Each structure stands twice: as structure tokens, then as C-alpha cells.
Amino acid sequence: MMHYTIELPDKYAVHLQKHWSDIERHLLERLVLEAYAEDVLTTPEVQEILQLPDRFAVYDLCDKYKIATYTLADLQRDRETTQRLGF
């Protein structure tokens, strides 16, 4: 497993820790979900990296960080399906 280190001045680290008690987990979640939003990682990969129980936990985390999981392409595909089915 790879490990990364970032350096923050103490005064900022303390300030951030007041908002996020587990800064490392918060940063990992944000990094992984950013990669997910950019289609760099798949739902199962996010689930594995963050050790989440299922894909619904991935979607819940996306909701928490306000990351859209329903894209314009999804909408267009749903519209085409609806039209094809005659609705």
C-alpha cells in the first residue's frame, strides 16, 4: 500500500482538525470521490479503497460531499429509453 505525506503549518492543521477530526480520512474520501467524479475510478474501486459495505454507501458518501452520480448522459439515456417505451 502506498502512503503519502502532506505538510500543513500547525495553525492550519489545528484549525482544520476542529472541522474534521479525522483529517486523513476526510482527505482520502475527497481524493477518491474526485477521481470517481472524473471517471478515473469506478464504483467498486471506490467501495474497495474506502472499505465501504456496498455501492449504496458510495452513493451516500457522494451525497454527503455533493458529488453528482447522475450525469447528463444518464438523463439522455433515460429520455431515450422512455421515448422508446412510448411514455
PDB file of N, CA and C in Angstrom:
ATOM      1  N   MET A   1       0.843  -1.175   0.000  1.00  0.00           N
ATOM      2  CA  MET A   1       0.000   0.000   0.000  1.00  0.00           C
ATOM      3  C   MET A   1       0.891   1.243   0.000  1.00  0.00           C
ATOM      4  N   MET A   2       0.534   2.222  -0.821  1.00  0.00           N
ATOM      5  CA  MET A   2       1.300   3.467  -0.872  1.00  0.00           C
ATOM      6  C   MET A   2       0.847   4.410   0.229  1.00  0.00           C
ATOM      7  N   HIS A   3       1.768   5.205   0.694  1.00  0.00           N
ATOM      8  CA  HIS A   3       1.474   6.228   1.693  1.00  0.00           C
ATOM      9  C   HIS A   3       1.956   7.566   1.168  1.00  0.00           C
ATOM     10  N   TYR A   4       1.169   8.598   1.402  1.00  0.00           N
ATOM     11  CA  TYR A   4       1.530   9.951   1.001  1.00  0.00           C
ATOM     12  C   TYR A   4       1.544  10.831   2.235  1.00  0.00           C
ATOM     13  N   THR A   5       2.400  11.820   2.204  1.00  0.00           N
ATOM     14  CA  THR A   5       2.500  12.750   3.316  1.00  0.00           C
ATOM     15  C   THR A   5       2.299  14.160   2.774  1.00  0.00           C
ATOM     16  N   ILE A   6       1.501  14.942   3.494  1.00  0.00           N
ATOM     17  CA  ILE A   6       1.377  16.358   3.152  1.00  0.00           C
ATOM     18  C   ILE A   6       1.785  17.154   4.382  1.00  0.00           C
ATOM     19  N   GLU A   7       2.270  18.330   4.145  1.00  0.00           N
ATOM     20  CA  GLU A   7       2.692  19.186   5.250  1.00  0.00           C
ATOM     21  C   GLU A   7       1.790  20.411   5.305  1.00  0.00           C
ATOM     22  N   LEU A   8       1.304  20.689   6.505  1.00  0.00           N
ATOM     23  CA  LEU A   8       0.490  21.870   6.756  1.00  0.00           C
ATOM     24  C   LEU A   8       1.091  22.613   7.932  1.00  0.00           C
ATOM     25  N   PRO A   9       1.124  23.929   7.878  1.00  0.00           N
ATOM     26  CA  PRO A   9       1.532  24.664   9.070  1.00  0.00           C
ATOM     27  C   PRO A   9       0.614  24.287  10.238  1.00  0.00           C
ATOM     28  N   ASP A  10       1.178  24.188  11.420  1.00  0.00           N
ATOM     29  CA  ASP A  10       0.421  23.741  12.592  1.00  0.00           C
ATOM     30  C   ASP A  10      -0.866  24.520  12.801  1.00  0.00           C
ATOM     31  N   LYS A  11      -0.810  25.848  12.632  1.00  0.00           N
ATOM     32  CA  LYS A  11      -2.012  26.641  12.911  1.00  0.00           C
ATOM     33  C   LYS A  11      -3.162  26.261  11.983  1.00  0.00           C
ATOM     34  N   TYR A  12      -2.865  25.872  10.750  1.00  0.00           N
ATOM     35  CA  TYR A  12      -3.920  25.458   9.825  1.00  0.00           C
ATOM     36  C   TYR A  12      -4.363  24.033  10.108  1.00  0.00           C
ATOM     37  N   ALA A  13      -3.440  23.183  10.456  1.00  0.00           N
ATOM     38  CA  ALA A  13      -3.791  21.808  10.799  1.00  0.00           C
ATOM     39  C   ALA A  13      -4.736  21.785  11.996  1.00  0.00           C
ATOM     40  N   VAL A  14      -4.451  22.583  13.006  1.00  0.00           N
ATOM     41  CA  VAL A  14      -5.320  22.660  14.186  1.00  0.00           C
ATOM     42  C   VAL A  14      -6.694  23.193  13.791  1.00  0.00           C
ATOM     43  N   HIS A  15      -6.719  24.213  12.970  1.00  0.00           N
ATOM     44  CA  HIS A  15      -7.985  24.793  12.518  1.00  0.00           C
ATOM     45  C   HIS A  15      -8.819  23.757  11.742  1.00  0.00           C
ATOM     46  N   LEU A  16      -8.179  23.048  10.834  1.00  0.00           N
ATOM     47  CA  LEU A  16      -8.888  22.037  10.047  1.00  0.00           C
ATOM     48  C   LEU A  16      -9.371  20.894  10.922  1.00  0.00           C
ATOM     49  N   GLN A  17      -8.573  20.536  11.901  1.00  0.00           N
ATOM     50  CA  GLN A  17      -8.944  19.425  12.773  1.00  0.00           C
ATOM     51  C   GLN A  17     -10.180  19.758  13.621  1.00  0.00           C
ATOM     52  N   LYS A  18     -10.429  21.028  13.842  1.00  0.00           N
ATOM     53  CA  LYS A  18     -11.657  21.417  14.549  1.00  0.00           C
ATOM     54  C   LYS A  18     -12.889  21.080  13.712  1.00  0.00           C
ATOM     55  N   HIS A  19     -12.747  21.131  12.392  1.00  0.00           N
ATOM     56  CA  HIS A  19     -13.855  20.844  11.488  1.00  0.00           C
ATOM     57  C   HIS A  19     -13.926  19.367  11.116  1.00  0.00           C
ATOM     58  N   TRP A  20     -12.771  18.760  10.945  1.00  0.00           N
ATOM     59  CA  TRP A  20     -12.702  17.345  10.574  1.00  0.00           C
ATOM     60  C   TRP A  20     -11.764  16.651  11.546  1.00  0.00           C
ATOM     61  N   SER A  21     -12.334  15.918  12.477  1.00  0.00           N
ATOM     62  CA  SER A  21     -11.499  15.283  13.498  1.00  0.00           C
ATOM     63  C   SER A  21     -10.532  14.273  12.884  1.00  0.00           C
ATOM     64  N   ASP A  22     -10.952  13.631  11.803  1.00  0.00           N
ATOM     65  CA  ASP A  22     -10.083  12.669  11.123  1.00  0.00           C
ATOM     66  C   ASP A  22      -9.705  13.245   9.752  1.00  0.00           C
ATOM     67  N   ILE A  23      -8.733  14.131   9.760  1.00  0.00           N
ATOM     68  CA  ILE A  23      -8.330  14.822   8.527  1.00  0.00           C
ATOM     69  C   ILE A  23      -7.890  13.837   7.456  1.00  0.00           C
ATOM     70  N   GLU A  24      -7.128  12.815   7.844  1.00  0.00           N
ATOM     71  CA  GLU A  24      -6.619  11.865   6.852  1.00  0.00           C
ATOM     72  C   GLU A  24      -7.763  11.166   6.125  1.00  0.00           C
ATOM     73  N   ARG A  25      -8.778  10.737   6.877  1.00  0.00           N
ATOM     74  CA  ARG A  25      -9.927  10.065   6.251  1.00  0.00           C
ATOM     75  C   ARG A  25     -10.675  11.040   5.347  1.00  0.00           C
ATOM     76  N   HIS A  26     -10.845  12.261   5.816  1.00  0.00           N
ATOM     77  CA  HIS A  26     -11.539  13.270   5.020  1.00  0.00           C
ATOM     78  C   HIS A  26     -10.802  13.502   3.698  1.00  0.00           C
ATOM     79  N   LEU A  27      -9.500  13.662   3.767  1.00  0.00           N
ATOM     80  CA  LEU A  27      -8.714  13.890   2.543  1.00  0.00           C
ATOM     81  C   LEU A  27      -8.778  12.693   1.608  1.00  0.00           C
ATOM     82  N   LEU A  28      -8.704  11.491   2.170  1.00  0.00           N
ATOM     83  CA  LEU A  28      -8.795  10.286   1.343  1.00  0.00           C
ATOM     84  C   LEU A  28     -10.150  10.223   0.649  1.00  0.00           C
ATOM     85  N   GLU A  29     -11.218  10.463   1.389  1.00  0.00           N
ATOM     86  CA  GLU A  29     -12.550  10.442   0.785  1.00  0.00           C
ATOM     87  C   GLU A  29     -12.662  11.467  -0.332  1.00  0.00           C
ATOM     88  N   ARG A  30     -12.194  12.679  -0.083  1.00  0.00           N
ATOM     89  CA  ARG A  30     -12.286  13.730  -1.102  1.00  0.00           C
ATOM     90  C   ARG A  30     -11.478  13.370  -2.350  1.00  0.00           C
ATOM     91  N   LEU A  31     -10.279  12.850  -2.157  1.00  0.00           N
ATOM     92  CA  LEU A  31      -9.432  12.461  -3.288  1.00  0.00           C
ATOM     93  C   LEU A  31     -10.084  11.357  -4.108  1.00  0.00           C
ATOM     94  N   VAL A  32     -10.555  10.325  -3.439  1.00  0.00           N
ATOM     95  CA  VAL A  32     -11.149   9.186  -4.125  1.00  0.00           C
ATOM     96  C   VAL A  32     -12.440   9.599  -4.835  1.00  0.00           C
ATOM     97  N   LEU A  33     -13.260  10.411  -4.175  1.00  0.00           N
ATOM     98  CA  LEU A  33     -14.506  10.836  -4.811  1.00  0.00           C
ATOM     99  C   LEU A  33     -14.271  11.804  -5.966  1.00  0.00           C
ATOM    100  N   GLU A  34     -13.217  12.589  -5.891  1.00  0.00           N
ATOM    101  CA  GLU A  34     -12.863  13.454  -7.028  1.00  0.00           C
ATOM    102  C   GLU A  34     -12.479  12.585  -8.226  1.00  0.00           C
ATOM    103  N   ALA A  35     -11.706  11.544  -7.978  1.00  0.00           N
ATOM    104  CA  ALA A  35     -11.337  10.617  -9.054  1.00  0.00           C
ATOM    105  C   ALA A  35     -12.577   9.913  -9.599  1.00  0.00           C
ATOM    106  N   TYR A  36     -13.504   9.576  -8.722  1.00  0.00           N
ATOM    107  CA  TYR A  36     -14.763   8.942  -9.137  1.00  0.00           C
ATOM    108  C   TYR A  36     -15.571   9.886 -10.017  1.00  0.00           C
ATOM    109  N   ALA A  37     -15.666  11.144  -9.618  1.00  0.00           N
ATOM    110  CA  ALA A  37     -16.425  12.137 -10.379  1.00  0.00           C
ATOM    111  C   ALA A  37     -15.831  12.361 -11.759  1.00  0.00           C
ATOM    112  N   GLU A  38     -14.525  12.175 -11.879  1.00  0.00           N
ATOM    113  CA  GLU A  38     -13.841  12.356 -13.166  1.00  0.00           C
ATOM    114  C   GLU A  38     -13.714  11.045 -13.941  1.00  0.00           C
ATOM    115  N   ASP A  39     -14.424  10.006 -13.500  1.00  0.00           N
ATOM    116  CA  ASP A  39     -14.403   8.687 -14.146  1.00  0.00           C
ATOM    117  C   ASP A  39     -13.018   8.044 -14.156  1.00  0.00           C
ATOM    118  N   VAL A  40     -12.202   8.376 -13.190  1.00  0.00           N
ATOM    119  CA  VAL A  40     -10.889   7.741 -13.051  1.00  0.00           C
ATOM    120  C   VAL A  40     -11.044   6.435 -12.271  1.00  0.00           C
ATOM    121  N   LEU A  41     -11.987   6.423 -11.325  1.00  0.00           N
ATOM    122  CA  LEU A  41     -12.276   5.234 -10.527  1.00  0.00           C
ATOM    123  C   LEU A  41     -13.732   4.823 -10.720  1.00  0.00           C
ATOM    124  N   THR A  42     -13.991   3.533 -10.611  1.00  0.00           N
ATOM    125  CA  THR A  42     -15.351   3.005 -10.707  1.00  0.00           C
ATOM    126  C   THR A  42     -15.968   2.902  -9.313  1.00  0.00           C
ATOM    127  N   THR A  43     -17.267   2.658  -9.282  1.00  0.00           N
ATOM    128  CA  THR A  43     -17.956   2.482  -8.000  1.00  0.00           C
ATOM    129  C   THR A  43     -17.338   1.345  -7.181  1.00  0.00           C
ATOM    130  N   PRO A  44     -17.095   0.162  -7.773  1.00  0.00           N
ATOM    131  CA  PRO A  44     -16.472  -0.911  -6.982  1.00  0.00           C
ATOM    132  C   PRO A  44     -15.065  -0.548  -6.472  1.00  0.00           C
ATOM    133  N   GLU A  45     -14.326   0.223  -7.247  1.00  0.00           N
ATOM    134  CA  GLU A  45     -12.990   0.639  -6.802  1.00  0.00           C
ATOM    135  C   GLU A  45     -13.089   1.595  -5.612  1.00  0.00           C
ATOM    136  N   VAL A  46     -14.025   2.535  -5.681  1.00  0.00           N
ATOM    137  CA  VAL A  46     -14.237   3.458  -4.559  1.00  0.00           C
ATOM    138  C   VAL A  46     -14.640   2.664  -3.321  1.00  0.00           C
ATOM    139  N   GLN A  47     -15.547   1.729  -3.522  1.00  0.00           N
ATOM    140  CA  GLN A  47     -16.018   0.889  -2.422  1.00  0.00           C
ATOM    141  C   GLN A  47     -14.857   0.149  -1.772  1.00  0.00           C
ATOM    142  N   GLU A  48     -13.970  -0.407  -2.582  1.00  0.00           N
ATOM    143  CA  GLU A  48     -12.821  -1.151  -2.051  1.00  0.00           C
ATOM    144  C   GLU A  48     -11.833  -0.232  -1.337  1.00  0.00           C
ATOM    145  N   ILE A  49     -11.476   0.870  -1.964  1.00  0.00           N
ATOM    146  CA  ILE A  49     -10.484   1.778  -1.386  1.00  0.00           C
ATOM    147  C   ILE A  49     -10.963   2.322  -0.042  1.00  0.00           C
ATOM    148  N   LEU A  50     -12.223   2.720   0.007  1.00  0.00           N
ATOM    149  CA  LEU A  50     -12.755   3.327   1.229  1.00  0.00           C
ATOM    150  C   LEU A  50     -13.360   2.301   2.185  1.00  0.00           C
ATOM    151  N   GLN A  51     -13.282   1.030   1.790  1.00  0.00           N
ATOM    152  CA  GLN A  51     -13.789  -0.078   2.609  1.00  0.00           C
ATOM    153  C   GLN A  51     -15.254   0.134   2.990  1.00  0.00           C
ATOM    154  N   LEU A  52     -16.055   0.414   1.981  1.00  0.00           N
ATOM    155  CA  LEU A  52     -17.479   0.629   2.175  1.00  0.00           C
ATOM    156  C   LEU A  52     -18.227  -0.679   1.923  1.00  0.00           C
ATOM    157  N   PRO A  53     -19.340  -0.912   2.612  1.00  0.00           N
ATOM    158  CA  PRO A  53     -20.017  -2.210   2.524  1.00  0.00           C
ATOM    159  C   PRO A  53     -20.688  -2.503   1.182  1.00  0.00           C
ATOM    160  N   ASP A  54     -21.145  -1.448   0.483  1.00  0.00           N
ATOM    161  CA  ASP A  54     -21.832  -1.673  -0.784  1.00  0.00           C
ATOM    162  C   ASP A  54     -21.855  -0.386  -1.610  1.00  0.00           C
ATOM    163  N   ARG A  55     -22.404  -0.486  -2.823  1.00  0.00           N
ATOM    164  CA  ARG A  55     -22.423   0.679  -3.720  1.00  0.00           C
ATOM    165  C   ARG A  55     -23.311   1.793  -3.183  1.00  0.00           C
ATOM    166  N   PHE A  56     -24.305   1.424  -2.385  1.00  0.00           N
ATOM    167  CA  PHE A  56     -25.191   2.445  -1.819  1.00  0.00           C
ATOM    168  C   PHE A  56     -24.438   3.330  -0.828  1.00  0.00           C
ATOM    169  N   ALA A  57     -23.461   2.771  -0.142  1.00  0.00           N
ATOM    170  CA  ALA A  57     -22.621   3.566   0.759  1.00  0.00           C
ATOM    171  C   ALA A  57     -21.777   4.553  -0.051  1.00  0.00           C
ATOM    172  N   VAL A  58     -21.364   4.142  -1.248  1.00  0.00           N
ATOM    173  CA  VAL A  58     -20.629   5.050  -2.136  1.00  0.00           C
ATOM    174  C   VAL A  58     -21.540   6.213  -2.522  1.00  0.00           C
ATOM    175  N   TYR A  59     -22.780   5.901  -2.895  1.00  0.00           N
ATOM    176  CA  TYR A  59     -23.725   6.948  -3.287  1.00  0.00           C
ATOM    177  C   TYR A  59     -24.036   7.876  -2.120  1.00  0.00           C
ATOM    178  N   ASP A  60     -24.159   7.313  -0.920  1.00  0.00           N
ATOM    179  CA  ASP A  60     -24.402   8.148   0.264  1.00  0.00           C
ATOM    180  C   ASP A  60     -23.242   9.106   0.505  1.00  0.00           C
ATOM    181  N   LEU A  61     -22.023   8.618   0.316  1.00  0.00           N
ATOM    182  CA  LEU A  61     -20.849   9.474   0.501  1.00  0.00           C
ATOM    183  C   LEU A  61     -20.823  10.566  -0.564  1.00  0.00           C
ATOM    184  N   CYS A  62     -21.217  10.226  -1.777  1.00  0.00           N
ATOM    185  CA  CYS A  62     -21.311  11.244  -2.837  1.00  0.00           C
ATOM    186  C   CYS A  62     -22.319  12.313  -2.456  1.00  0.00           C
ATOM    187  N   ASP A  63     -23.444  11.897  -1.884  1.00  0.00           N
ATOM    188  CA  ASP A  63     -24.441  12.866  -1.423  1.00  0.00           C
ATOM    189  C   ASP A  63     -23.852  13.763  -0.335  1.00  0.00           C
ATOM    190  N   LYS A  64     -23.126  13.171   0.591  1.00  0.00           N
ATOM    191  CA  LYS A  64     -22.515  13.932   1.690  1.00  0.00           C
ATOM    192  C   LYS A  64     -21.624  15.044   1.154  1.00  0.00           C
ATOM    193  N   TYR A  65     -20.839  14.734   0.124  1.00  0.00           N
ATOM    194  CA  TYR A  65     -19.911  15.713  -0.437  1.00  0.00           C
ATOM    195  C   TYR A  65     -20.480  16.440  -1.650  1.00  0.00           C
ATOM    196  N   LYS A  66     -21.765  16.233  -1.913  1.00  0.00           N
ATOM    197  CA  LYS A  66     -22.460  16.919  -3.011  1.00  0.00           C
ATOM    198  C   LYS A  66     -21.810  16.633  -4.365  1.00  0.00           C
ATOM    199  N   ILE A  67     -21.516  15.361  -4.596  1.00  0.00           N
ATOM    200  CA  ILE A  67     -20.949  14.921  -5.864  1.00  0.00           C
ATOM    201  C   ILE A  67     -22.052  14.204  -6.632  1.00  0.00           C
ATOM    202  N   ALA A  68     -22.367  14.707  -7.802  1.00  0.00           N
ATOM    203  CA  ALA A  68     -23.447  14.134  -8.600  1.00  0.00           C
ATOM    204  C   ALA A  68     -23.052  12.759  -9.128  1.00  0.00           C
ATOM    205  N   THR A  69     -23.958  11.815  -8.967  1.00  0.00           N
ATOM    206  CA  THR A  69     -23.720  10.480  -9.520  1.00  0.00           C
ATOM    207  C   THR A  69     -24.602  10.229 -10.732  1.00  0.00           C
ATOM    208  N   TYR A  70     -25.518  11.138 -10.999  1.00  0.00           N
ATOM    209  CA  TYR A  70     -26.416  11.039 -12.145  1.00  0.00           C
ATOM    210  C   TYR A  70     -25.999  12.116 -13.137  1.00  0.00           C
ATOM    211  N   THR A  71     -25.478  11.696 -14.267  1.00  0.00           N
ATOM    212  CA  THR A  71     -24.902  12.636 -15.223  1.00  0.00           C
ATOM    213  C   THR A  71     -25.904  13.030 -16.310  1.00  0.00           C
ATOM    214  N   LEU A  72     -25.515  13.994 -17.111  1.00  0.00           N
ATOM    215  CA  LEU A  72     -26.348  14.381 -18.256  1.00  0.00           C
ATOM    216  C   LEU A  72     -26.487  13.223 -19.235  1.00  0.00           C
ATOM    217  N   ALA A  73     -25.440  12.429 -19.371  1.00  0.00           N
ATOM    218  CA  ALA A  73     -25.515  11.250 -20.243  1.00  0.00           C
ATOM    219  C   ALA A  73     -26.548  10.262 -19.707  1.00  0.00           C
ATOM    220  N   ASP A  74     -26.603  10.112 -18.391  1.00  0.00           N
ATOM    221  CA  ASP A  74     -27.622   9.246 -17.789  1.00  0.00           C
ATOM    222  C   ASP A  74     -29.019   9.768 -18.111  1.00  0.00           C
ATOM    223  N   LEU A  75     -29.211  11.059 -17.987  1.00  0.00           N
ATOM    224  CA  LEU A  75     -30.504  11.674 -18.274  1.00  0.00           C
ATOM    225  C   LEU A  75     -30.905  11.441 -19.726  1.00  0.00           C
ATOM    226  N   GLN A  76     -29.975  11.658 -20.636  1.00  0.00           N
ATOM    227  CA  GLN A  76     -30.270  11.465 -22.060  1.00  0.00           C
ATOM    228  C   GLN A  76     -30.632  10.007 -22.339  1.00  0.00           C
ATOM    229  N   ARG A  77     -29.890   9.078 -21.756  1.00  0.00           N
ATOM    230  CA  ARG A  77     -30.173   7.658 -21.936  1.00  0.00           C
ATOM    231  C   ARG A  77     -31.568   7.315 -21.388  1.00  0.00           C
ATOM    232  N   ASP A  78     -31.921   7.880 -20.241  1.00  0.00           N
ATOM    233  CA  ASP A  78     -33.247   7.641 -19.662  1.00  0.00           C
ATOM    234  C   ASP A  78     -34.347   8.235 -20.534  1.00  0.00           C
ATOM    235  N   ARG A  79     -34.105   9.401 -21.102  1.00  0.00           N
ATOM    236  CA  ARG A  79     -35.089  10.016 -22.004  1.00  0.00           C
ATOM    237  C   ARG A  79     -35.319   9.137 -23.230  1.00  0.00           C
ATOM    238  N   GLU A  80     -34.223   8.651 -23.804  1.00  0.00           N
ATOM    239  CA  GLU A  80     -34.335   7.798 -24.988  1.00  0.00           C
ATOM    240  C   GLU A  80     -35.078   6.503 -24.661  1.00  0.00           C
ATOM    241  N   THR A  81     -34.800   5.941 -23.515  1.00  0.00           N
ATOM    242  CA  THR A  81     -35.492   4.719 -23.094  1.00  0.00           C
ATOM    243  C   THR A  81     -36.971   4.965 -22.902  1.00  0.00           C
ATOM    244  N   THR A  82     -37.302   6.078 -22.259  1.00  0.00           N
ATOM    245  CA  THR A  82     -38.701   6.436 -22.019  1.00  0.00           C
ATOM    246  C   THR A  82     -39.439   6.627 -23.342  1.00  0.00           C
ATOM    247  N   GLN A  83     -38.822   7.302 -24.287  1.00  0.00           N
ATOM    248  CA  GLN A  83     -39.437   7.521 -25.602  1.00  0.00           C
ATOM    249  C   GLN A  83     -39.600   6.193 -26.334  1.00  0.00           C
ATOM    250  N   ARG A  84     -38.599   5.360 -26.249  1.00  0.00           N
ATOM    251  CA  ARG A  84     -38.649   4.059 -26.930  1.00  0.00           C
ATOM    252  C   ARG A  84     -39.780   3.187 -26.363  1.00  0.00           C
ATOM    253  N   LEU A  85     -40.035   3.322 -25.064  1.00  0.00           N
ATOM    254  CA  LEU A  85     -41.093   2.543 -24.431  1.00  0.00           C
ATOM    255  C   LEU A  85     -42.474   3.172 -24.615  1.00  0.00           C
ATOM    256  N   GLY A  86     -42.496   4.377 -25.200  1.00  0.00           N
ATOM    257  CA  GLY A  86     -43.762   5.014 -25.522  1.00  0.00           C
ATOM    258  C   GLY A  86     -44.369   5.832 -24.395  1.00  0.00           C
ATOM    259  N   PHE A  87     -43.555   6.282 -23.479  1.00  0.00           N
ATOM    260  CA  PHE A  87     -44.073   7.103 -22.379  1.00  0.00           C
ATOM    261  C   PHE A  87     -43.839   8.560 -22.647  1.00  0.00           C
TER     262      PHE A  87
END
